[in-house]
Amino acid sequence: MKKNISEPVKKPLVWIGFVVLFALINPWYFPAGSWSPPFFGIPYWALIILVASLALSIFITWVVMTQWETGADENEEL
């Protein structure tokens, strides 16, 4: 019986998701000296980074739960 093995490293969607989310987490795209009134005392760039971090956590969970199939959970008959 052949095991169904699927690794996320071979899927372009996974790589695109990681690149986009890691780019959002790093504040390099904010203009120098940009200012906006804080939201409940938190600057807008910090909120964007927090939301992107949450999205990255959810994305990693989705990848591990749905895109990574090792066949280890299947019972093998000897």
C-alpha atoms as a PDB file:
ATOM      1  CA  MET A   1       0.000   0.000   0.000  1.00  0.00           C
ATOM      2  CA  LYS A   2       1.469   3.364  -1.065  1.00  0.00           C
ATOM      3  CA  LYS A   3       1.519   6.222   1.430  1.00  0.00           C
ATOM      4  CA  ASN A   4       0.080   9.525   0.275  1.00  0.00           C
ATOM      5  CA  ILE A   5       2.873  11.984   1.091  1.00  0.00           C
ATOM      6  CA  SER A   6       2.375  15.675   0.360  1.00  0.00           C
ATOM      7  CA  GLU A   7       4.901  18.316   1.388  1.00  0.00           C
ATOM      8  CA  PRO A   8       3.961  22.005   1.409  1.00  0.00           C
ATOM      9  CA  VAL A   9       7.438  23.025   0.233  1.00  0.00           C
ATOM     10  CA  LYS A  10       6.484  21.826  -3.265  1.00  0.00           C
ATOM     11  CA  LYS A  11       3.356  24.010  -3.483  1.00  0.00           C
ATOM     12  CA  PRO A  12       3.644  27.542  -4.910  1.00  0.00           C
ATOM     13  CA  LEU A  13       0.596  28.777  -2.972  1.00  0.00           C
ATOM     14  CA  VAL A  14       2.380  28.095   0.315  1.00  0.00           C
ATOM     15  CA  TRP A  15       5.492  30.017  -0.782  1.00  0.00           C
ATOM     16  CA  ILE A  16       3.432  32.969  -2.031  1.00  0.00           C
ATOM     17  CA  GLY A  17       1.534  33.094   1.263  1.00  0.00           C
ATOM     18  CA  PHE A  18       4.734  33.083   3.317  1.00  0.00           C
ATOM     19  CA  VAL A  19       6.395  35.784   1.201  1.00  0.00           C
ATOM     20  CA  VAL A  20       3.370  38.093   1.398  1.00  0.00           C
ATOM     21  CA  LEU A  21       2.861  37.618   5.135  1.00  0.00           C
ATOM     22  CA  PHE A  22       6.550  38.024   6.006  1.00  0.00           C
ATOM     23  CA  ALA A  23       6.642  41.199   3.886  1.00  0.00           C
ATOM     24  CA  LEU A  24       3.661  42.600   5.803  1.00  0.00           C
ATOM     25  CA  ILE A  25       5.262  41.839   9.170  1.00  0.00           C
ATOM     26  CA  ASN A  26       8.398  43.856   8.374  1.00  0.00           C
ATOM     27  CA  PRO A  27       7.739  47.608   8.474  1.00  0.00           C
ATOM     28  CA  TRP A  28      10.079  48.471   5.580  1.00  0.00           C
ATOM     29  CA  TYR A  29       7.197  49.636   3.395  1.00  0.00           C
ATOM     30  CA  PHE A  30       6.092  52.431   5.726  1.00  0.00           C
ATOM     31  CA  PRO A  31       7.283  55.856   4.543  1.00  0.00           C
ATOM     32  CA  ALA A  32       9.921  57.516   6.702  1.00  0.00           C
ATOM     33  CA  GLY A  33       8.389  60.021   9.067  1.00  0.00           C
ATOM     34  CA  SER A  34       4.852  58.852   8.411  1.00  0.00           C
ATOM     35  CA  TRP A  35       2.519  59.643  11.222  1.00  0.00           C
ATOM     36  CA  SER A  36      -1.050  58.821  11.954  1.00  0.00           C
ATOM     37  CA  PRO A  37      -3.073  59.246  15.108  1.00  0.00           C
ATOM     38  CA  PRO A  38      -2.769  56.144  17.248  1.00  0.00           C
ATOM     39  CA  PHE A  39      -5.686  53.768  17.593  1.00  0.00           C
ATOM     40  CA  PHE A  40      -6.271  53.292  21.339  1.00  0.00           C
ATOM     41  CA  GLY A  41      -2.680  54.412  21.868  1.00  0.00           C
ATOM     42  CA  ILE A  42      -1.232  52.006  19.287  1.00  0.00           C
ATOM     43  CA  PRO A  43       0.249  53.447  16.068  1.00  0.00           C
ATOM     44  CA  TYR A  44      -1.282  52.229  12.799  1.00  0.00           C
ATOM     45  CA  TRP A  45       1.919  50.440  11.730  1.00  0.00           C
ATOM     46  CA  ALA A  46       1.889  48.384  14.948  1.00  0.00           C
ATOM     47  CA  LEU A  47      -1.714  47.331  14.291  1.00  0.00           C
ATOM     48  CA  ILE A  48      -0.805  46.249  10.754  1.00  0.00           C
ATOM     49  CA  ILE A  49       2.102  44.173  12.084  1.00  0.00           C
ATOM     50  CA  LEU A  50      -0.081  42.586  14.790  1.00  0.00           C
ATOM     51  CA  VAL A  51      -2.792  41.664  12.282  1.00  0.00           C
ATOM     52  CA  ALA A  52      -0.167  40.288   9.858  1.00  0.00           C
ATOM     53  CA  SER A  53       1.374  38.233  12.683  1.00  0.00           C
ATOM     54  CA  LEU A  54      -2.024  36.770  13.517  1.00  0.00           C
ATOM     55  CA  ALA A  55      -2.600  36.020   9.824  1.00  0.00           C
ATOM     56  CA  LEU A  56       0.812  34.311   9.636  1.00  0.00           C
ATOM     57  CA  SER A  57      -0.053  32.127  12.629  1.00  0.00           C
ATOM     58  CA  ILE A  58      -3.368  31.141  11.065  1.00  0.00           C
ATOM     59  CA  PHE A  59      -1.676  30.474   7.716  1.00  0.00           C
ATOM     60  CA  ILE A  60       0.988  28.245   9.299  1.00  0.00           C
ATOM     61  CA  THR A  61      -1.728  26.311  11.127  1.00  0.00           C
ATOM     62  CA  TRP A  62      -3.658  25.876   7.858  1.00  0.00           C
ATOM     63  CA  VAL A  63      -0.530  24.652   6.052  1.00  0.00           C
ATOM     64  CA  VAL A  64       0.305  22.108   8.739  1.00  0.00           C
ATOM     65  CA  MET A  65      -3.262  20.850   9.107  1.00  0.00           C
ATOM     66  CA  THR A  66      -4.273  20.658   5.432  1.00  0.00           C
ATOM     67  CA  GLN A  67      -1.233  20.781   3.159  1.00  0.00           C
ATOM     68  CA  TRP A  68       1.218  18.536   4.969  1.00  0.00           C
ATOM     69  CA  GLU A  69       0.365  14.865   4.568  1.00  0.00           C
ATOM     70  CA  THR A  70       3.016  12.388   5.737  1.00  0.00           C
ATOM     71  CA  GLY A  71       0.893   9.280   5.999  1.00  0.00           C
ATOM     72  CA  ALA A  72       2.019   8.811   9.613  1.00  0.00           C
ATOM     73  CA  ASP A  73      -1.550   8.851  10.893  1.00  0.00           C
ATOM     74  CA  GLU A  74      -2.606   5.918   8.760  1.00  0.00           C
ATOM     75  CA  ASN A  75      -2.525   2.480  10.315  1.00  0.00           C
ATOM     76  CA  GLU A  76      -0.237   0.137   8.473  1.00  0.00           C
ATOM     77  CA  GLU A  77      -1.092  -3.507   8.223  1.00  0.00           C
ATOM     78  CA  LEU A  78       1.892  -5.814   8.619  1.00  0.00           C
END
